[in-house]
N, C-alpha and C. Protein backbone atom coordinates (compact mmCIF):
# COMPACT_ATOMS: atom_id res chain seq x y z
N MET A 1 93.34 111.21 114.17
CA MET A 1 93.26 110.32 113.03
C MET A 1 91.83 109.87 112.84
N SER A 2 91.40 109.84 111.62
CA SER A 2 90.05 109.38 111.31
C SER A 2 90.12 107.95 110.80
N ASP A 3 89.35 107.07 111.39
CA ASP A 3 89.31 105.69 110.92
C ASP A 3 88.08 105.42 110.07
N ASP A 4 87.17 106.36 109.99
CA ASP A 4 85.93 106.17 109.25
C ASP A 4 86.10 106.66 107.82
N MET A 5 86.38 105.74 106.91
CA MET A 5 86.57 106.11 105.51
C MET A 5 85.26 106.05 104.74
N THR A 6 84.17 105.66 105.38
CA THR A 6 82.92 105.53 104.67
C THR A 6 82.09 106.80 104.68
N SER A 7 82.42 107.77 105.54
CA SER A 7 81.72 109.06 105.52
C SER A 7 82.17 109.81 104.28
N ARG A 8 81.21 110.29 103.51
CA ARG A 8 81.54 110.95 102.24
C ARG A 8 82.28 112.26 102.47
N VAL A 9 83.36 112.45 101.72
CA VAL A 9 84.15 113.67 101.76
C VAL A 9 84.28 114.21 100.34
N ASP A 10 84.82 115.41 100.23
CA ASP A 10 85.03 115.99 98.90
C ASP A 10 86.16 115.28 98.16
N VAL A 11 87.32 115.17 98.83
CA VAL A 11 88.50 114.62 98.16
C VAL A 11 89.28 113.72 99.12
N VAL A 12 89.68 112.56 98.61
CA VAL A 12 90.61 111.68 99.30
C VAL A 12 91.93 111.79 98.56
N VAL A 13 92.99 112.13 99.28
CA VAL A 13 94.32 112.24 98.69
C VAL A 13 95.15 111.09 99.25
N ILE A 14 95.68 110.26 98.36
CA ILE A 14 96.40 109.06 98.77
C ILE A 14 97.86 109.18 98.32
N GLY A 15 98.78 109.11 99.28
CA GLY A 15 100.20 109.19 98.92
C GLY A 15 101.10 109.00 100.11
N ARG A 16 102.41 109.07 99.84
CA ARG A 16 103.42 108.80 100.85
C ARG A 16 104.38 109.95 101.09
N THR A 17 104.37 110.92 100.22
CA THR A 17 105.42 111.94 100.26
C THR A 17 104.90 113.30 100.72
N SER A 18 105.84 114.16 101.07
CA SER A 18 105.45 115.48 101.57
C SER A 18 104.79 116.33 100.48
N ASP A 19 105.16 116.12 99.21
CA ASP A 19 104.52 116.91 98.15
C ASP A 19 103.05 116.52 97.98
N VAL A 20 102.73 115.25 98.13
CA VAL A 20 101.33 114.82 98.04
C VAL A 20 100.57 115.28 99.29
N ARG A 21 101.21 115.20 100.45
CA ARG A 21 100.59 115.70 101.66
C ARG A 21 100.30 117.19 101.53
N ALA A 22 101.20 117.95 100.91
CA ALA A 22 100.99 119.38 100.71
C ALA A 22 99.77 119.65 99.83
N VAL A 23 99.53 118.80 98.85
CA VAL A 23 98.33 118.93 98.02
C VAL A 23 97.10 118.75 98.91
N ALA A 24 97.12 117.74 99.77
CA ALA A 24 95.99 117.51 100.68
C ALA A 24 95.78 118.72 101.59
N GLU A 25 96.85 119.27 102.11
CA GLU A 25 96.74 120.42 103.01
C GLU A 25 96.16 121.63 102.30
N GLU A 26 96.59 121.88 101.08
CA GLU A 26 96.08 123.02 100.31
C GLU A 26 94.60 122.83 99.96
N LEU A 27 94.24 121.64 99.53
CA LEU A 27 92.84 121.38 99.18
C LEU A 27 91.94 121.48 100.41
N ALA A 28 92.47 121.11 101.57
CA ALA A 28 91.68 121.13 102.81
C ALA A 28 91.29 122.54 103.24
N ALA A 29 91.92 123.53 102.67
CA ALA A 29 91.56 124.91 103.00
C ALA A 29 90.17 125.26 102.47
N SER A 30 89.72 124.54 101.43
CA SER A 30 88.42 124.88 100.84
C SER A 30 87.49 123.68 100.64
N GLN A 31 87.96 122.49 100.99
CA GLN A 31 87.15 121.28 100.79
C GLN A 31 87.34 120.33 101.96
N THR A 32 86.44 119.37 102.08
CA THR A 32 86.60 118.32 103.07
C THR A 32 87.54 117.27 102.49
N VAL A 33 88.70 117.09 103.13
CA VAL A 33 89.76 116.23 102.60
C VAL A 33 90.17 115.21 103.64
N VAL A 34 90.47 114.01 103.19
CA VAL A 34 91.12 113.00 104.01
C VAL A 34 92.41 112.61 103.30
N PHE A 35 93.51 112.63 104.04
CA PHE A 35 94.81 112.21 103.52
C PHE A 35 95.05 110.78 103.97
N VAL A 36 95.25 109.88 103.01
CA VAL A 36 95.47 108.47 103.29
C VAL A 36 96.93 108.15 103.00
N THR A 37 97.60 107.56 103.98
CA THR A 37 99.01 107.25 103.82
C THR A 37 99.39 106.02 104.63
N ASP A 38 100.51 105.44 104.27
CA ASP A 38 101.06 104.35 105.07
C ASP A 38 102.31 104.81 105.82
N ARG A 39 102.57 106.10 105.78
CA ARG A 39 103.75 106.66 106.44
C ARG A 39 103.35 107.44 107.68
N HIS A 40 103.84 106.99 108.81
CA HIS A 40 103.51 107.61 110.10
C HIS A 40 103.90 109.09 110.13
N ASP A 41 105.10 109.42 109.63
CA ASP A 41 105.56 110.81 109.68
C ASP A 41 104.68 111.73 108.84
N GLN A 42 104.23 111.26 107.68
CA GLN A 42 103.38 112.08 106.82
C GLN A 42 101.98 112.25 107.43
N ALA A 43 101.48 111.20 108.06
CA ALA A 43 100.17 111.30 108.71
C ALA A 43 100.23 112.30 109.86
N ARG A 44 101.28 112.24 110.66
CA ARG A 44 101.40 113.17 111.79
C ARG A 44 101.52 114.61 111.31
N ALA A 45 102.28 114.83 110.23
CA ALA A 45 102.42 116.19 109.70
C ALA A 45 101.08 116.70 109.18
N ALA A 46 100.32 115.86 108.51
CA ALA A 46 99.00 116.26 108.02
C ALA A 46 98.07 116.57 109.18
N GLU A 47 98.10 115.75 110.21
CA GLU A 47 97.26 115.99 111.39
C GLU A 47 97.62 117.32 112.05
N ARG A 48 98.91 117.62 112.14
CA ARG A 48 99.34 118.91 112.73
C ARG A 48 98.84 120.09 111.91
N ALA A 49 98.67 119.86 110.61
CA ALA A 49 98.16 120.92 109.73
C ALA A 49 96.63 120.96 109.73
N GLY A 50 96.00 120.08 110.49
CA GLY A 50 94.54 120.09 110.59
C GLY A 50 93.82 119.26 109.55
N VAL A 51 94.54 118.38 108.86
CA VAL A 51 93.94 117.54 107.82
C VAL A 51 93.59 116.18 108.42
N SER A 52 92.38 115.72 108.19
CA SER A 52 92.00 114.38 108.63
C SER A 52 92.86 113.35 107.91
N THR A 53 93.25 112.31 108.64
CA THR A 53 94.11 111.29 108.03
C THR A 53 93.57 109.91 108.29
N HIS A 54 94.01 108.99 107.46
CA HIS A 54 93.71 107.57 107.62
C HIS A 54 94.99 106.83 107.28
N ARG A 55 95.46 106.00 108.20
CA ARG A 55 96.67 105.22 107.96
C ARG A 55 96.28 103.80 107.58
N THR A 56 96.97 103.28 106.58
CA THR A 56 96.68 101.94 106.08
C THR A 56 97.95 101.38 105.46
N THR A 57 97.88 100.15 104.98
CA THR A 57 98.97 99.59 104.17
C THR A 57 98.47 99.52 102.75
N PHE A 58 99.26 99.99 101.82
CA PHE A 58 98.81 100.06 100.44
C PHE A 58 98.92 98.73 99.70
N GLU A 59 99.78 97.86 100.15
CA GLU A 59 99.99 96.60 99.44
C GLU A 59 98.75 95.74 99.42
N THR A 60 97.83 95.95 100.33
CA THR A 60 96.58 95.18 100.36
C THR A 60 95.39 96.04 99.97
N GLY A 61 95.61 97.10 99.28
CA GLY A 61 94.53 98.01 98.91
C GLY A 61 94.29 98.99 100.04
N LEU A 62 93.06 99.32 100.29
CA LEU A 62 92.72 100.27 101.34
C LEU A 62 91.97 99.60 102.48
N GLY A 63 92.06 98.30 102.56
CA GLY A 63 91.33 97.58 103.60
C GLY A 63 89.97 97.17 103.10
N ARG A 64 89.16 96.68 103.99
CA ARG A 64 87.83 96.18 103.62
C ARG A 64 86.83 97.29 103.38
N GLU A 65 87.05 98.41 104.04
CA GLU A 65 86.06 99.48 103.93
C GLU A 65 86.09 100.14 102.55
N GLY A 66 84.96 100.64 102.16
CA GLY A 66 84.89 101.40 100.93
C GLY A 66 85.20 102.86 101.21
N VAL A 67 85.53 103.60 100.20
CA VAL A 67 85.82 105.01 100.31
C VAL A 67 84.70 105.76 99.60
N ALA A 68 84.19 106.80 100.24
CA ALA A 68 83.12 107.60 99.65
C ALA A 68 83.61 109.03 99.49
N ALA A 69 83.72 109.50 98.23
CA ALA A 69 84.23 110.84 97.98
C ALA A 69 83.79 111.31 96.59
N GLU A 70 83.74 112.62 96.46
CA GLU A 70 83.51 113.18 95.13
C GLU A 70 84.68 112.85 94.21
N ALA A 71 85.90 112.91 94.76
CA ALA A 71 87.09 112.67 93.95
C ALA A 71 88.20 112.08 94.81
N ALA A 72 89.13 111.43 94.14
CA ALA A 72 90.31 110.89 94.81
C ALA A 72 91.53 111.16 93.96
N LEU A 73 92.64 111.48 94.62
CA LEU A 73 93.94 111.59 93.97
C LEU A 73 94.78 110.45 94.50
N VAL A 74 95.24 109.59 93.61
CA VAL A 74 96.11 108.47 93.97
C VAL A 74 97.50 108.82 93.44
N ALA A 75 98.45 109.05 94.34
CA ALA A 75 99.74 109.58 93.90
C ALA A 75 100.90 109.04 94.72
N THR A 76 101.11 107.73 94.68
CA THR A 76 102.32 107.19 95.30
C THR A 76 103.42 107.18 94.25
N GLU A 77 104.61 106.82 94.66
CA GLU A 77 105.74 106.79 93.73
C GLU A 77 105.85 105.46 92.99
N GLU A 78 104.89 104.54 93.20
CA GLU A 78 104.92 103.23 92.56
C GLU A 78 103.66 103.03 91.72
N ASP A 79 103.84 102.79 90.42
CA ASP A 79 102.70 102.61 89.53
C ASP A 79 101.86 101.38 89.89
N ALA A 80 102.49 100.30 90.32
CA ALA A 80 101.74 99.10 90.69
C ALA A 80 100.81 99.38 91.87
N VAL A 81 101.29 100.14 92.83
CA VAL A 81 100.47 100.51 93.99
C VAL A 81 99.36 101.45 93.53
N ASN A 82 99.68 102.41 92.68
CA ASN A 82 98.66 103.34 92.18
C ASN A 82 97.56 102.60 91.42
N LEU A 83 97.93 101.61 90.63
CA LEU A 83 96.95 100.84 89.89
C LEU A 83 96.07 100.03 90.85
N LEU A 84 96.67 99.39 91.83
CA LEU A 84 95.90 98.63 92.83
C LEU A 84 94.91 99.53 93.56
N LEU A 85 95.37 100.69 94.01
CA LEU A 85 94.50 101.60 94.76
C LEU A 85 93.40 102.18 93.88
N THR A 86 93.73 102.49 92.64
CA THR A 86 92.72 103.01 91.71
C THR A 86 91.64 101.96 91.45
N GLN A 87 92.06 100.72 91.25
CA GLN A 87 91.09 99.64 91.06
C GLN A 87 90.24 99.45 92.31
N HIS A 88 90.85 99.53 93.47
CA HIS A 88 90.11 99.40 94.73
C HIS A 88 89.04 100.48 94.83
N LEU A 89 89.40 101.71 94.51
CA LEU A 89 88.43 102.80 94.56
C LEU A 89 87.27 102.57 93.60
N ARG A 90 87.56 102.03 92.43
CA ARG A 90 86.52 101.79 91.43
C ARG A 90 85.61 100.62 91.82
N VAL A 91 86.18 99.57 92.38
CA VAL A 91 85.41 98.37 92.68
C VAL A 91 84.70 98.47 94.03
N ARG A 92 85.40 98.93 95.05
CA ARG A 92 84.84 98.95 96.40
C ARG A 92 84.39 100.32 96.86
N GLY A 93 84.83 101.35 96.17
CA GLY A 93 84.53 102.69 96.62
C GLY A 93 83.34 103.32 95.94
N ASP A 94 82.97 104.45 96.47
CA ASP A 94 81.92 105.30 95.89
C ASP A 94 82.60 106.63 95.59
N VAL A 95 83.39 106.64 94.50
CA VAL A 95 84.19 107.80 94.14
C VAL A 95 83.86 108.18 92.70
N ASP A 96 83.43 109.42 92.52
CA ASP A 96 83.02 109.87 91.19
C ASP A 96 84.20 110.04 90.23
N THR A 97 85.27 110.66 90.68
CA THR A 97 86.42 110.97 89.85
C THR A 97 87.68 110.44 90.51
N VAL A 98 88.47 109.65 89.78
CA VAL A 98 89.74 109.14 90.30
C VAL A 98 90.85 109.68 89.42
N ILE A 99 91.70 110.50 90.02
CA ILE A 99 92.87 111.06 89.34
C ILE A 99 94.08 110.28 89.83
N THR A 100 94.82 109.70 88.89
CA THR A 100 95.93 108.82 89.26
C THR A 100 97.23 109.31 88.64
N ARG A 101 98.27 109.33 89.47
CA ARG A 101 99.60 109.68 88.98
C ARG A 101 100.23 108.46 88.33
N ILE A 102 100.76 108.66 87.13
CA ILE A 102 101.50 107.62 86.42
C ILE A 102 102.96 108.06 86.39
N ASN A 103 103.80 107.27 87.01
CA ASN A 103 105.21 107.62 87.12
C ASN A 103 106.01 107.25 85.88
N ASP A 104 105.58 106.22 85.16
CA ASP A 104 106.27 105.76 83.96
C ASP A 104 105.25 105.78 82.82
N GLU A 105 105.42 106.68 81.88
CA GLU A 105 104.47 106.86 80.78
C GLU A 105 104.23 105.58 79.97
N THR A 106 105.19 104.66 79.96
CA THR A 106 105.01 103.42 79.20
C THR A 106 103.93 102.54 79.83
N ARG A 107 103.51 102.85 81.03
CA ARG A 107 102.48 102.07 81.72
C ARG A 107 101.09 102.70 81.62
N ARG A 108 100.95 103.76 80.88
CA ARG A 108 99.68 104.49 80.79
C ARG A 108 98.52 103.60 80.37
N VAL A 109 98.73 102.68 79.46
CA VAL A 109 97.65 101.83 78.98
C VAL A 109 97.01 101.02 80.12
N ALA A 110 97.76 100.68 81.13
CA ALA A 110 97.21 99.91 82.26
C ALA A 110 96.16 100.70 83.02
N PHE A 111 96.21 102.01 82.93
CA PHE A 111 95.29 102.87 83.68
C PHE A 111 94.10 103.35 82.85
N ASP A 112 94.09 103.03 81.56
CA ASP A 112 93.07 103.57 80.66
C ASP A 112 91.63 103.32 81.09
N ASP A 113 91.33 102.16 81.58
CA ASP A 113 89.94 101.84 81.89
C ASP A 113 89.57 102.04 83.36
N VAL A 114 90.53 102.44 84.20
CA VAL A 114 90.20 102.57 85.63
C VAL A 114 90.30 104.00 86.15
N ALA A 115 91.22 104.78 85.64
CA ALA A 115 91.38 106.15 86.12
C ALA A 115 90.55 107.11 85.27
N THR A 116 89.90 108.07 85.92
CA THR A 116 89.16 109.10 85.20
C THR A 116 90.14 110.02 84.49
N GLU A 117 91.17 110.42 85.21
CA GLU A 117 92.22 111.30 84.70
C GLU A 117 93.56 110.75 85.15
N THR A 118 94.61 111.01 84.37
CA THR A 118 95.95 110.64 84.79
C THR A 118 96.85 111.88 84.75
N LEU A 119 97.82 111.89 85.65
CA LEU A 119 98.78 112.98 85.73
C LEU A 119 100.19 112.40 85.81
N THR A 120 101.15 113.15 85.32
CA THR A 120 102.55 112.77 85.49
C THR A 120 103.02 113.29 86.84
N PRO A 121 104.17 112.83 87.33
CA PRO A 121 104.68 113.38 88.60
C PRO A 121 104.84 114.90 88.57
N ALA A 122 105.23 115.45 87.44
CA ALA A 122 105.40 116.90 87.34
C ALA A 122 104.06 117.64 87.42
N GLU A 123 102.98 116.95 87.10
CA GLU A 123 101.65 117.56 87.13
C GLU A 123 100.93 117.38 88.47
N THR A 124 101.57 116.71 89.41
CA THR A 124 100.92 116.44 90.68
C THR A 124 101.19 117.57 91.66
N ASP A 125 100.88 118.78 91.25
CA ASP A 125 100.99 119.95 92.11
C ASP A 125 99.59 120.45 92.41
N VAL A 126 99.48 121.34 93.38
CA VAL A 126 98.17 121.79 93.84
C VAL A 126 97.36 122.42 92.71
N ARG A 127 97.96 123.29 91.94
CA ARG A 127 97.22 123.99 90.88
C ARG A 127 96.68 123.02 89.84
N THR A 128 97.52 122.10 89.37
CA THR A 128 97.07 121.16 88.35
C THR A 128 96.00 120.22 88.89
N VAL A 129 96.19 119.74 90.12
CA VAL A 129 95.18 118.87 90.71
C VAL A 129 93.86 119.61 90.88
N ARG A 130 93.92 120.83 91.38
CA ARG A 130 92.70 121.63 91.56
C ARG A 130 92.01 121.86 90.20
N ASP A 131 92.78 122.21 89.17
CA ASP A 131 92.21 122.41 87.83
C ASP A 131 91.57 121.13 87.30
N THR A 132 92.23 120.00 87.53
CA THR A 132 91.70 118.72 87.07
C THR A 132 90.42 118.37 87.80
N LEU A 133 90.38 118.63 89.10
CA LEU A 133 89.16 118.39 89.88
C LEU A 133 88.01 119.25 89.39
N GLU A 134 88.29 120.51 89.12
CA GLU A 134 87.24 121.42 88.65
C GLU A 134 86.73 121.04 87.26
N ALA A 135 87.60 120.50 86.42
CA ALA A 135 87.21 120.13 85.06
C ALA A 135 86.43 118.82 85.02
N SER A 136 86.56 118.02 86.06
CA SER A 136 85.91 116.69 86.05
C SER A 136 84.45 116.78 86.39
């Protein structure tokens, strides 16, 4: 497990589920990736796959440390958590591109000024994320 979130990486992938962890694992094949989660089982699975991980609690943001990355994918199943984490990355982090999953389209306006790009849950697959990263 990596506790140093201030070392610059290519992509930080933030989520709780196996599908988001799979995105981190696929991206790690060609980029420096850190998978951030609050789920012990997902962190262990990512570590077994060779992906650097950072465990935290999302309800308080990402902790005091800043995050340094070319890009971040914020993709939990809760829009309020995604908004909090996206704001944290913008205010405390050094992240060029923030891609955020919006689970309920009626909440899109809340993300307009903080997320660089937004994706729906159906778009949070490796190919779409990779294409979005390349286009940013």
